[in-house]
Full PDB file with SEQRES, HELIX, SHEET, SSBOND, CRYST1, ORIGX, SCALE, CONECT and MASTER records, all heavy atoms in Angstrom:
SEQRES   1 A   37  ARG PHE PHE ILE GLY ALA VAL PHE GLY ALA LEU ILE SER          
SEQRES   2 A   37  TYR GLY ILE TYR ILE TYR ILE TYR GLY SER LEU TYR GLU          
SEQRES   3 A   37  ARG VAL LEU GLU GLU ASN PHE GLU LEU GLN SER                  
HELIX    1 AA1 PHE A    2  GLN A   36  1                                  35    
CRYST1    1.000    1.000    1.000  90.00  90.00  90.00 P 1           1          
ORIGX1      1.000000  0.000000  0.000000        0.00000                         
ORIGX2      0.000000  1.000000  0.000000        0.00000                         
ORIGX3      0.000000  0.000000  1.000000        0.00000                         
SCALE1      1.000000  0.000000  0.000000        0.00000                         
SCALE2      0.000000  1.000000  0.000000        0.00000                         
SCALE3      0.000000  0.000000  1.000000        0.00000                         
ATOM      1  N   ARG A   1     147.192  22.994 146.032  1.00  0.00           N  
ATOM      2  CA  ARG A   1     147.820  22.102 145.042  1.00  0.00           C  
ATOM      3  C   ARG A   1     149.344  22.257 145.083  1.00  0.00           C  
ATOM      4  O   ARG A   1     150.082  21.271 144.960  1.00  0.00           O  
ATOM      5  CB  ARG A   1     147.290  22.417 143.646  1.00  0.00           C  
ATOM      6  CG  ARG A   1     145.892  21.949 143.442  1.00  0.00           C  
ATOM      7  CD  ARG A   1     145.456  22.231 142.019  1.00  0.00           C  
ATOM      8  NE  ARG A   1     144.055  21.889 141.877  1.00  0.00           N  
ATOM      9  CZ  ARG A   1     143.248  22.406 140.982  1.00  0.00           C  
ATOM     10  NH1 ARG A   1     143.726  23.302 140.137  1.00  0.00           N  
ATOM     11  NH2 ARG A   1     142.012  22.050 140.918  1.00  0.00           N  
ATOM     12  N   PHE A   2     149.809  23.479 145.208  1.00  0.00           N  
ATOM     13  CA  PHE A   2     151.258  23.701 145.273  1.00  0.00           C  
ATOM     14  C   PHE A   2     151.862  23.000 146.483  1.00  0.00           C  
ATOM     15  O   PHE A   2     152.896  22.325 146.371  1.00  0.00           O  
ATOM     16  CB  PHE A   2     151.555  25.211 145.318  1.00  0.00           C  
ATOM     17  CG  PHE A   2     152.997  25.517 145.560  1.00  0.00           C  
ATOM     18  CD1 PHE A   2     153.927  25.373 144.541  1.00  0.00           C  
ATOM     19  CD2 PHE A   2     153.429  25.944 146.811  1.00  0.00           C  
ATOM     20  CE1 PHE A   2     155.259  25.650 144.774  1.00  0.00           C  
ATOM     21  CE2 PHE A   2     154.759  26.212 147.043  1.00  0.00           C  
ATOM     22  CZ  PHE A   2     155.687  26.076 146.023  1.00  0.00           C  
ATOM     23  N   PHE A   3     151.239  23.162 147.648  1.00  0.00           N  
ATOM     24  CA  PHE A   3     151.783  22.522 148.860  1.00  0.00           C  
ATOM     25  C   PHE A   3     151.712  21.005 148.770  1.00  0.00           C  
ATOM     26  O   PHE A   3     152.648  20.301 149.156  1.00  0.00           O  
ATOM     27  CB  PHE A   3     151.041  23.024 150.110  1.00  0.00           C  
ATOM     28  CG  PHE A   3     151.414  24.410 150.502  1.00  0.00           C  
ATOM     29  CD1 PHE A   3     150.436  25.360 150.797  1.00  0.00           C  
ATOM     30  CD2 PHE A   3     152.747  24.788 150.586  1.00  0.00           C  
ATOM     31  CE1 PHE A   3     150.787  26.640 151.171  1.00  0.00           C  
ATOM     32  CE2 PHE A   3     153.091  26.080 150.961  1.00  0.00           C  
ATOM     33  CZ  PHE A   3     152.106  27.004 151.248  1.00  0.00           C  
ATOM     34  N   ILE A   4     150.620  20.469 148.258  1.00  0.00           N  
ATOM     35  CA  ILE A   4     150.499  19.010 148.101  1.00  0.00           C  
ATOM     36  C   ILE A   4     151.529  18.513 147.085  1.00  0.00           C  
ATOM     37  O   ILE A   4     152.174  17.491 147.283  1.00  0.00           O  
ATOM     38  CB  ILE A   4     149.062  18.625 147.692  1.00  0.00           C  
ATOM     39  CG1 ILE A   4     148.132  18.843 148.871  1.00  0.00           C  
ATOM     40  CG2 ILE A   4     149.000  17.184 147.232  1.00  0.00           C  
ATOM     41  CD1 ILE A   4     146.676  18.619 148.569  1.00  0.00           C  
ATOM     42  N   GLY A   5     151.707  19.259 146.006  1.00  0.00           N  
ATOM     43  CA  GLY A   5     152.723  18.883 145.008  1.00  0.00           C  
ATOM     44  C   GLY A   5     154.136  18.919 145.598  1.00  0.00           C  
ATOM     45  O   GLY A   5     154.978  18.066 145.319  1.00  0.00           O  
ATOM     46  N   ALA A   6     154.379  19.944 146.416  1.00  0.00           N  
ATOM     47  CA  ALA A   6     155.689  20.048 147.053  1.00  0.00           C  
ATOM     48  C   ALA A   6     155.919  18.884 148.008  1.00  0.00           C  
ATOM     49  O   ALA A   6     157.006  18.307 148.065  1.00  0.00           O  
ATOM     50  CB  ALA A   6     155.817  21.378 147.783  1.00  0.00           C  
ATOM     51  N   VAL A   7     154.890  18.487 148.774  1.00  0.00           N  
ATOM     52  CA  VAL A   7     155.026  17.354 149.708  1.00  0.00           C  
ATOM     53  C   VAL A   7     155.245  16.064 148.921  1.00  0.00           C  
ATOM     54  O   VAL A   7     156.139  15.272 149.250  1.00  0.00           O  
ATOM     55  CB  VAL A   7     153.781  17.263 150.634  1.00  0.00           C  
ATOM     56  CG1 VAL A   7     153.754  15.954 151.392  1.00  0.00           C  
ATOM     57  CG2 VAL A   7     153.756  18.433 151.596  1.00  0.00           C  
ATOM     58  N   PHE A   8     154.422  15.830 147.894  1.00  0.00           N  
ATOM     59  CA  PHE A   8     154.596  14.614 147.094  1.00  0.00           C  
ATOM     60  C   PHE A   8     155.946  14.617 146.360  1.00  0.00           C  
ATOM     61  O   PHE A   8     156.622  13.583 146.272  1.00  0.00           O  
ATOM     62  CB  PHE A   8     153.443  14.438 146.095  1.00  0.00           C  
ATOM     63  CG  PHE A   8     152.208  13.872 146.696  1.00  0.00           C  
ATOM     64  CD1 PHE A   8     150.992  14.534 146.547  1.00  0.00           C  
ATOM     65  CD2 PHE A   8     152.230  12.680 147.404  1.00  0.00           C  
ATOM     66  CE1 PHE A   8     149.836  14.021 147.096  1.00  0.00           C  
ATOM     67  CE2 PHE A   8     151.072  12.171 147.955  1.00  0.00           C  
ATOM     68  CZ  PHE A   8     149.871  12.838 147.807  1.00  0.00           C  
ATOM     69  N   GLY A   9     156.339  15.753 145.856  1.00  0.00           N  
ATOM     70  CA  GLY A   9     157.655  15.857 145.204  1.00  0.00           C  
ATOM     71  C   GLY A   9     158.783  15.564 146.181  1.00  0.00           C  
ATOM     72  O   GLY A   9     159.761  14.884 145.836  1.00  0.00           O  
ATOM     73  N   ALA A  10     158.661  16.071 147.388  1.00  0.00           N  
ATOM     74  CA  ALA A  10     159.685  15.807 148.407  1.00  0.00           C  
ATOM     75  C   ALA A  10     159.718  14.322 148.752  1.00  0.00           C  
ATOM     76  O   ALA A  10     160.801  13.720 148.894  1.00  0.00           O  
ATOM     77  CB  ALA A  10     159.414  16.636 149.657  1.00  0.00           C  
ATOM     78  N   LEU A  11     158.517  13.691 148.883  1.00  0.00           N  
ATOM     79  CA  LEU A  11     158.468  12.256 149.177  1.00  0.00           C  
ATOM     80  C   LEU A  11     159.066  11.419 148.036  1.00  0.00           C  
ATOM     81  O   LEU A  11     159.838  10.467 148.268  1.00  0.00           O  
ATOM     82  CB  LEU A  11     157.028  11.815 149.468  1.00  0.00           C  
ATOM     83  CG  LEU A  11     156.427  12.298 150.781  1.00  0.00           C  
ATOM     84  CD1 LEU A  11     154.962  11.913 150.872  1.00  0.00           C  
ATOM     85  CD2 LEU A  11     157.198  11.726 151.952  1.00  0.00           C  
ATOM     86  N   ILE A  12     158.734  11.762 146.811  1.00  0.00           N  
ATOM     87  CA  ILE A  12     159.260  11.035 145.651  1.00  0.00           C  
ATOM     88  C   ILE A  12     160.775  11.232 145.549  1.00  0.00           C  
ATOM     89  O   ILE A  12     161.541  10.273 145.344  1.00  0.00           O  
ATOM     90  CB  ILE A  12     158.536  11.468 144.355  1.00  0.00           C  
ATOM     91  CG1 ILE A  12     157.095  10.957 144.380  1.00  0.00           C  
ATOM     92  CG2 ILE A  12     159.270  10.936 143.127  1.00  0.00           C  
ATOM     93  CD1 ILE A  12     156.240  11.491 143.249  1.00  0.00           C  
ATOM     94  N   SER A  13     161.234  12.481 145.697  1.00  0.00           N  
ATOM     95  CA  SER A  13     162.682  12.725 145.613  1.00  0.00           C  
ATOM     96  C   SER A  13     163.412  12.037 146.767  1.00  0.00           C  
ATOM     97  O   SER A  13     164.521  11.526 146.590  1.00  0.00           O  
ATOM     98  CB  SER A  13     162.985  14.214 145.586  1.00  0.00           C  
ATOM     99  OG  SER A  13     162.582  14.817 146.806  1.00  0.00           O  
ATOM    100  N   TYR A  14     162.809  11.987 147.952  1.00  0.00           N  
ATOM    101  CA  TYR A  14     163.413  11.281 149.084  1.00  0.00           C  
ATOM    102  C   TYR A  14     163.495   9.775 148.791  1.00  0.00           C  
ATOM    103  O   TYR A  14     164.510   9.135 149.064  1.00  0.00           O  
ATOM    104  CB  TYR A  14     162.611  11.538 150.363  1.00  0.00           C  
ATOM    105  CG  TYR A  14     163.216  10.889 151.587  1.00  0.00           C  
ATOM    106  CD1 TYR A  14     164.366  11.400 152.170  1.00  0.00           C  
ATOM    107  CD2 TYR A  14     162.642   9.748 152.145  1.00  0.00           C  
ATOM    108  CE1 TYR A  14     164.926  10.800 153.280  1.00  0.00           C  
ATOM    109  CE2 TYR A  14     163.194   9.140 153.253  1.00  0.00           C  
ATOM    110  CZ  TYR A  14     164.335   9.662 153.826  1.00  0.00           C  
ATOM    111  OH  TYR A  14     164.886   9.073 154.928  1.00  0.00           O  
ATOM    112  N   GLY A  15     162.451   9.223 148.183  1.00  0.00           N  
ATOM    113  CA  GLY A  15     162.467   7.800 147.799  1.00  0.00           C  
ATOM    114  C   GLY A  15     163.559   7.523 146.771  1.00  0.00           C  
ATOM    115  O   GLY A  15     164.285   6.516 146.857  1.00  0.00           O  
ATOM    116  N   ILE A  16     163.671   8.390 145.755  1.00  0.00           N  
ATOM    117  CA  ILE A  16     164.728   8.223 144.738  1.00  0.00           C  
ATOM    118  C   ILE A  16     166.106   8.354 145.388  1.00  0.00           C  
ATOM    119  O   ILE A  16     167.016   7.569 145.101  1.00  0.00           O  
ATOM    120  CB  ILE A  16     164.533   9.247 143.600  1.00  0.00           C  
ATOM    121  CG1 ILE A  16     163.281   8.911 142.798  1.00  0.00           C  
ATOM    122  CG2 ILE A  16     165.751   9.262 142.677  1.00  0.00           C  
ATOM    123  CD1 ILE A  16     162.889   9.966 141.772  1.00  0.00           C  
ATOM    124  N   TYR A  17     166.246   9.316 146.289  1.00  0.00           N  
ATOM    125  CA  TYR A  17     167.526   9.502 146.987  1.00  0.00           C  
ATOM    126  C   TYR A  17     167.892   8.258 147.797  1.00  0.00           C  
ATOM    127  O   TYR A  17     169.037   7.799 147.751  1.00  0.00           O  
ATOM    128  CB  TYR A  17     167.439  10.735 147.897  1.00  0.00           C  
ATOM    129  CG  TYR A  17     168.656  10.925 148.760  1.00  0.00           C  
ATOM    130  CD1 TYR A  17     169.825  11.431 148.233  1.00  0.00           C  
ATOM    131  CD2 TYR A  17     168.625  10.583 150.110  1.00  0.00           C  
ATOM    132  CE1 TYR A  17     170.950  11.583 149.026  1.00  0.00           C  
ATOM    133  CE2 TYR A  17     169.739  10.733 150.909  1.00  0.00           C  
ATOM    134  CZ  TYR A  17     170.906  11.236 150.371  1.00  0.00           C  
ATOM    135  OH  TYR A  17     172.005  11.392 151.160  1.00  0.00           O  
ATOM    136  N   ILE A  18     166.925   7.690 148.516  1.00  0.00           N  
ATOM    137  CA  ILE A  18     167.179   6.481 149.310  1.00  0.00           C  
ATOM    138  C   ILE A  18     167.540   5.307 148.394  1.00  0.00           C  
ATOM    139  O   ILE A  18     168.447   4.522 148.691  1.00  0.00           O  
ATOM    140  CB  ILE A  18     165.951   6.131 150.187  1.00  0.00           C  
ATOM    141  CG1 ILE A  18     165.757   7.183 151.260  1.00  0.00           C  
ATOM    142  CG2 ILE A  18     166.082   4.757 150.818  1.00  0.00           C  
ATOM    143  CD1 ILE A  18     166.879   7.253 152.259  1.00  0.00           C  
ATOM    144  N   TYR A  19     166.868   5.175 147.247  1.00  0.00           N  
ATOM    145  CA  TYR A  19     167.167   4.100 146.311  1.00  0.00           C  
ATOM    146  C   TYR A  19     168.593   4.224 145.765  1.00  0.00           C  
ATOM    147  O   TYR A  19     169.353   3.256 145.733  1.00  0.00           O  
ATOM    148  CB  TYR A  19     166.149   4.098 145.156  1.00  0.00           C  
ATOM    149  CG  TYR A  19     166.499   3.119 144.076  1.00  0.00           C  
ATOM    150  CD1 TYR A  19     166.296   1.757 144.252  1.00  0.00           C  
ATOM    151  CD2 TYR A  19     167.054   3.554 142.872  1.00  0.00           C  
ATOM    152  CE1 TYR A  19     166.631   0.855 143.260  1.00  0.00           C  
ATOM    153  CE2 TYR A  19     167.390   2.664 141.882  1.00  0.00           C  
ATOM    154  CZ  TYR A  19     167.179   1.310 142.079  1.00  0.00           C  
ATOM    155  OH  TYR A  19     167.522   0.434 141.103  1.00  0.00           O  
ATOM    156  N   ILE A  20     168.967   5.415 145.312  1.00  0.00           N  
ATOM    157  CA  ILE A  20     170.312   5.632 144.762  1.00  0.00           C  
ATOM    158  C   ILE A  20     171.365   5.407 145.847  1.00  0.00           C  
ATOM    159  O   ILE A  20     172.387   4.750 145.622  1.00  0.00           O  
ATOM    160  CB  ILE A  20     170.424   7.046 144.144  1.00  0.00           C  
ATOM    161  CG1 ILE A  20     169.563   7.141 142.882  1.00  0.00           C  
ATOM    162  CG2 ILE A  20     171.877   7.380 143.820  1.00  0.00           C  
ATOM    163  CD1 ILE A  20     169.476   8.538 142.301  1.00  0.00           C  
ATOM    164  N   TYR A  21     171.109   5.950 147.038  1.00  0.00           N  
ATOM    165  CA  TYR A  21     172.042   5.770 148.149  1.00  0.00           C  
ATOM    166  C   TYR A  21     172.196   4.281 148.493  1.00  0.00           C  
ATOM    167  O   TYR A  21     173.309   3.789 148.697  1.00  0.00           O  
ATOM    168  CB  TYR A  21     171.553   6.553 149.368  1.00  0.00           C  
ATOM    169  CG  TYR A  21     172.428   6.371 150.588  1.00  0.00           C  
ATOM    170  CD1 TYR A  21     173.632   7.041 150.696  1.00  0.00           C  
ATOM    171  CD2 TYR A  21     172.054   5.511 151.621  1.00  0.00           C  
ATOM    172  CE1 TYR A  21     174.445   6.870 151.809  1.00  0.00           C  
ATOM    173  CE2 TYR A  21     172.852   5.333 152.734  1.00  0.00           C  
ATOM    174  CZ  TYR A  21     174.049   6.019 152.830  1.00  0.00           C  
ATOM    175  OH  TYR A  21     174.845   5.853 153.925  1.00  0.00           O  
ATOM    176  N   GLY A  22     171.094   3.544 148.514  1.00  0.00           N  
ATOM    177  CA  GLY A  22     171.130   2.109 148.818  1.00  0.00           C  
ATOM    178  C   GLY A  22     171.903   1.328 147.773  1.00  0.00           C  
ATOM    179  O   GLY A  22     172.722   0.452 148.105  1.00  0.00           O  
ATOM    180  N   SER A  23     171.677   1.632 146.494  1.00  0.00           N  
ATOM    181  CA  SER A  23     172.395   0.893 145.440  1.00  0.00           C  
ATOM    182  C   SER A  23     173.881   1.230 145.465  1.00  0.00           C  
ATOM    183  O   SER A  23     174.729   0.338 145.305  1.00  0.00           O  
ATOM    184  CB  SER A  23     171.785   1.187 144.069  1.00  0.00           C  
ATOM    185  OG  SER A  23     171.937   2.557 143.739  1.00  0.00           O  
ATOM    186  N   LEU A  24     174.228   2.495 145.674  1.00  0.00           N  
ATOM    187  CA  LEU A  24     175.646   2.857 145.760  1.00  0.00           C  
ATOM    188  C   LEU A  24     176.293   2.248 146.998  1.00  0.00           C  
ATOM    189  O   LEU A  24     177.425   1.764 146.950  1.00  0.00           O  
ATOM    190  CB  LEU A  24     175.800   4.379 145.771  1.00  0.00           C  
ATOM    191  CG  LEU A  24     175.526   5.097 144.457  1.00  0.00           C  
ATOM    192  CD1 LEU A  24     175.639   6.610 144.640  1.00  0.00           C  
ATOM    193  CD2 LEU A  24     176.467   4.624 143.375  1.00  0.00           C  
ATOM    194  N   TYR A  25     175.583   2.256 148.116  1.00  0.00           N  
ATOM    195  CA  TYR A  25     176.118   1.670 149.342  1.00  0.00           C  
ATOM    196  C   TYR A  25     176.299   0.157 149.178  1.00  0.00           C  
ATOM    197  O   TYR A  25     177.273  -0.420 149.666  1.00  0.00           O  
ATOM    198  CB  TYR A  25     175.185   1.983 150.520  1.00  0.00           C  
ATOM    199  CG  TYR A  25     175.793   1.658 151.851  1.00  0.00           C  
ATOM    200  CD1 TYR A  25     176.800   2.451 152.377  1.00  0.00           C  
ATOM    201  CD2 TYR A  25     175.361   0.559 152.582  1.00  0.00           C  
ATOM    202  CE1 TYR A  25     177.370   2.159 153.599  1.00  0.00           C  
ATOM    203  CE2 TYR A  25     175.930   0.252 153.801  1.00  0.00           C  
ATOM    204  CZ  TYR A  25     176.929   1.053 154.311  1.00  0.00           C  
ATOM    205  OH  TYR A  25     177.497   0.761 155.520  1.00  0.00           O  
ATOM    206  N   GLU A  26     175.362  -0.464 148.458  1.00  0.00           N  
ATOM    207  CA  GLU A  26     175.489  -1.903 148.191  1.00  0.00           C  
ATOM    208  C   GLU A  26     176.739  -2.188 147.355  1.00  0.00           C  
ATOM    209  O   GLU A  26     177.486  -3.127 147.626  1.00  0.00           O  
ATOM    210  CB  GLU A  26     174.229  -2.390 147.464  1.00  0.00           C  
ATOM    211  CG  GLU A  26     174.229  -3.874 147.173  1.00  0.00           C  
ATOM    212  CD  GLU A  26     172.959  -4.298 146.447  1.00  0.00           C  
ATOM    213  OE1 GLU A  26     172.046  -3.479 146.264  1.00  0.00           O  
ATOM    214  OE2 GLU A  26     172.900  -5.475 146.064  1.00  0.00           O  
ATOM    215  N   ARG A  27     176.996  -1.366 146.326  1.00  0.00           N  
ATOM    216  CA  ARG A  27     178.200  -1.525 145.510  1.00  0.00           C  
ATOM    217  C   ARG A  27     179.470  -1.333 146.343  1.00  0.00           C  
ATOM    218  O   ARG A  27     180.441  -2.057 146.197  1.00  0.00           O  
ATOM    219  CB  ARG A  27     178.195  -0.534 144.345  1.00  0.00           C  
ATOM    220  CG  ARG A  27     177.384  -0.981 143.193  1.00  0.00           C  
ATOM    221  CD  ARG A  27     177.684  -0.120 141.974  1.00  0.00           C  
ATOM    222  NE  ARG A  27     176.409   0.170 141.313  1.00  0.00           N  
ATOM    223  CZ  ARG A  27     176.140   1.263 140.655  1.00  0.00           C  
ATOM    224  NH1 ARG A  27     177.035   2.208 140.556  1.00  0.00           N  
ATOM    225  NH2 ARG A  27     174.969   1.426 140.085  1.00  0.00           N  
ATOM    226  N   VAL A  28     179.435  -0.319 147.210  1.00  0.00           N  
ATOM    227  CA  VAL A  28     180.592  -0.057 148.066  1.00  0.00           C  
ATOM    228  C   VAL A  28     180.833  -1.233 149.008  1.00  0.00           C  
ATOM    229  O   VAL A  28     181.980  -1.666 149.206  1.00  0.00           O  
ATOM    230  CB  VAL A  28     180.417   1.266 148.836  1.00  0.00           C  
ATOM    231  CG1 VAL A  28     181.447   1.413 149.939  1.00  0.00           C  
ATOM    232  CG2 VAL A  28     180.499   2.445 147.891  1.00  0.00           C  
ATOM    233  N   LEU A  29     179.777  -1.769 149.597  1.00  0.00           N  
ATOM    234  CA  LEU A  29     179.922  -2.929 150.486  1.00  0.00           C  
ATOM    235  C   LEU A  29     180.456  -4.151 149.729  1.00  0.00           C  
ATOM    236  O   LEU A  29     181.344  -4.867 150.212  1.00  0.00           O  
ATOM    237  CB  LEU A  29     178.585  -3.278 151.146  1.00  0.00           C  
ATOM    238  CG  LEU A  29     178.173  -2.434 152.333  1.00  0.00           C  
ATOM    239  CD1 LEU A  29     176.805  -2.854 152.835  1.00  0.00           C  
ATOM    240  CD2 LEU A  29     179.191  -2.572 153.442  1.00  0.00           C  
ATOM    241  N   GLU A  30     179.939  -4.375 148.527  1.00  0.00           N  
ATOM    242  CA  GLU A  30     180.404  -5.496 147.708  1.00  0.00           C  
ATOM    243  C   GLU A  30     181.886  -5.330 147.371  1.00  0.00           C  
ATOM    244  O   GLU A  30     182.673  -6.279 147.485  1.00  0.00           O  
ATOM    245  CB  GLU A  30     179.566  -5.573 146.435  1.00  0.00           C  
ATOM    246  CG  GLU A  30     179.919  -6.722 145.525  1.00  0.00           C  
ATOM    247  CD  GLU A  30     179.044  -6.736 144.276  1.00  0.00           C  
ATOM    248  OE1 GLU A  30     177.942  -6.172 144.286  1.00  0.00           O  
ATOM    249  OE2 GLU A  30     179.503  -7.320 143.286  1.00  0.00           O  
ATOM    250  N   GLU A  31     182.270  -4.136 146.964  1.00  0.00           N  
ATOM    251  CA  GLU A  31     183.677  -3.862 146.656  1.00  0.00           C  
ATOM    252  C   GLU A  31     184.551  -4.014 147.896  1.00  0.00           C  
ATOM    253  O   GLU A  31     185.656  -4.552 147.825  1.00  0.00           O  
ATOM    254  CB  GLU A  31     183.810  -2.453 146.082  1.00  0.00           C  
ATOM    255  CG  GLU A  31     185.209  -2.092 145.629  1.00  0.00           C  
ATOM    256  CD  GLU A  31     185.253  -0.694 145.032  1.00  0.00           C  
ATOM    257  OE1 GLU A  31     184.257  -0.264 144.419  1.00  0.00           O  
ATOM    258  OE2 GLU A  31     186.303  -0.045 145.191  1.00  0.00           O  
ATOM    259  N   ASN A  32     184.043  -3.572 149.051  1.00  0.00           N  
ATOM    260  CA  ASN A  32     184.775  -3.702 150.307  1.00  0.00           C  
ATOM    261  C   ASN A  32     185.003  -5.176 150.646  1.00  0.00           C  
ATOM    262  O   ASN A  32     186.105  -5.567 151.042  1.00  0.00           O  
ATOM    263  CB  ASN A  32     184.012  -2.994 151.429  1.00  0.00           C  
ATOM    264  CG  ASN A  32     184.805  -2.928 152.712  1.00  0.00           C  
ATOM    265  OD1 ASN A  32     185.998  -3.150 152.724  1.00  0.00           O  
ATOM    266  ND2 ASN A  32     184.120  -2.614 153.795  1.00  0.00           N  
ATOM    267  N   PHE A  33     183.966  -6.010 150.491  1.00  0.00           N  
ATOM    268  CA  PHE A  33     184.122  -7.438 150.762  1.00  0.00           C  
ATOM    269  C   PHE A  33     185.115  -8.088 149.795  1.00  0.00           C  
ATOM    270  O   PHE A  33     185.917  -8.931 150.190  1.00  0.00           O  
ATOM    271  CB  PHE A  33     182.775  -8.158 150.698  1.00  0.00           C  
ATOM    272  CG  PHE A  33     181.887  -7.889 151.881  1.00  0.00           C  
ATOM    273  CD1 PHE A  33     180.538  -7.612 151.715  1.00  0.00           C  
ATOM    274  CD2 PHE A  33     182.391  -7.909 153.176  1.00  0.00           C  
ATOM    275  CE1 PHE A  33     179.728  -7.360 152.796  1.00  0.00           C  
ATOM    276  CE2 PHE A  33     181.586  -7.663 154.264  1.00  0.00           C  
ATOM    277  CZ  PHE A  33     180.245  -7.383 154.073  1.00  0.00           C  
ATOM    278  N   GLU A  34     185.053  -7.697 148.520  1.00  0.00           N  
ATOM    279  CA  GLU A  34     186.004  -8.229 147.541  1.00  0.00           C  
ATOM    280  C   GLU A  34     187.437  -7.842 147.907  1.00  0.00           C  
ATOM    281  O   GLU A  34     188.353  -8.659 147.841  1.00  0.00           O  
ATOM    282  CB  GLU A  34     185.667  -7.719 146.137  1.00  0.00           C  
ATOM    283  CG  GLU A  34     184.437  -8.338 145.528  1.00  0.00           C  
ATOM    284  CD  GLU A  34     184.086  -7.724 144.181  1.00  0.00           C  
ATOM    285  OE1 GLU A  34     184.842  -6.850 143.690  1.00  0.00           O  
ATOM    286  OE2 GLU A  34     183.045  -8.113 143.627  1.00  0.00           O  
ATOM    287  N   LEU A  35     187.628  -6.578 148.285  1.00  0.00           N  
ATOM    288  CA  LEU A  35     188.960  -6.117 148.659  1.00  0.00           C  
ATOM    289  C   LEU A  35     189.451  -6.805 149.930  1.00  0.00           C  
ATOM    290  O   LEU A  35     190.636  -7.153 150.037  1.00  0.00           O  
ATOM    291  CB  LEU A  35     188.976  -4.600 148.832  1.00  0.00           C  
ATOM    292  CG  LEU A  35     188.866  -3.781 147.544  1.00  0.00           C  
ATOM    293  CD1 LEU A  35     188.771  -2.297 147.875  1.00  0.00           C  
ATOM    294  CD2 LEU A  35     190.019  -4.052 146.616  1.00  0.00           C  
ATOM    295  N   GLN A  36     188.545  -7.032 150.898  1.00  0.00           N  
ATOM    296  CA  GLN A  36     188.934  -7.753 152.110  1.00  0.00           C  
ATOM    297  C   GLN A  36     189.328  -9.187 151.784  1.00  0.00           C  
ATOM    298  O   GLN A  36     190.309  -9.710 152.321  1.00  0.00           O  
ATOM    299  CB  GLN A  36     187.796  -7.742 153.137  1.00  0.00           C  
ATOM    300  CG  GLN A  36     187.647  -6.434 153.858  1.00  0.00           C  
ATOM    301  CD  GLN A  36     186.503  -6.468 154.857  1.00  0.00           C  
ATOM    302  OE1 GLN A  36     185.689  -7.386 154.860  1.00  0.00           O  
ATOM    303  NE2 GLN A  36     186.441  -5.444 155.697  1.00  0.00           N  
ATOM    304  N   SER A  37     188.575  -9.818 150.889  1.00  0.00           N  
ATOM    305  CA  SER A  37     188.899 -11.184 150.478  1.00  0.00           C  
ATOM    306  C   SER A  37     190.241 -11.221 149.758  1.00  0.00           C  
ATOM    307  O   SER A  37     191.084 -12.092 150.017  1.00  0.00           O  
ATOM    308  CB  SER A  37     187.801 -11.711 149.561  1.00  0.00           C  
ATOM    309  OG  SER A  37     188.158 -12.949 149.024  1.00  0.00           O  
TER     310      SER A  37                                                      
MASTER        0    0    0    1    0    0    0    6  309    1    0    3          
END                                                                             
């Protein structure tokens, strides 16, 4: 149970990390396009 919990926790935290990184990267790209314009 501990190992399965650790694997699922790692997968969930990796998903949350990818989501946060994607939203921040999207904001950065949007700001970059605005600044270029």
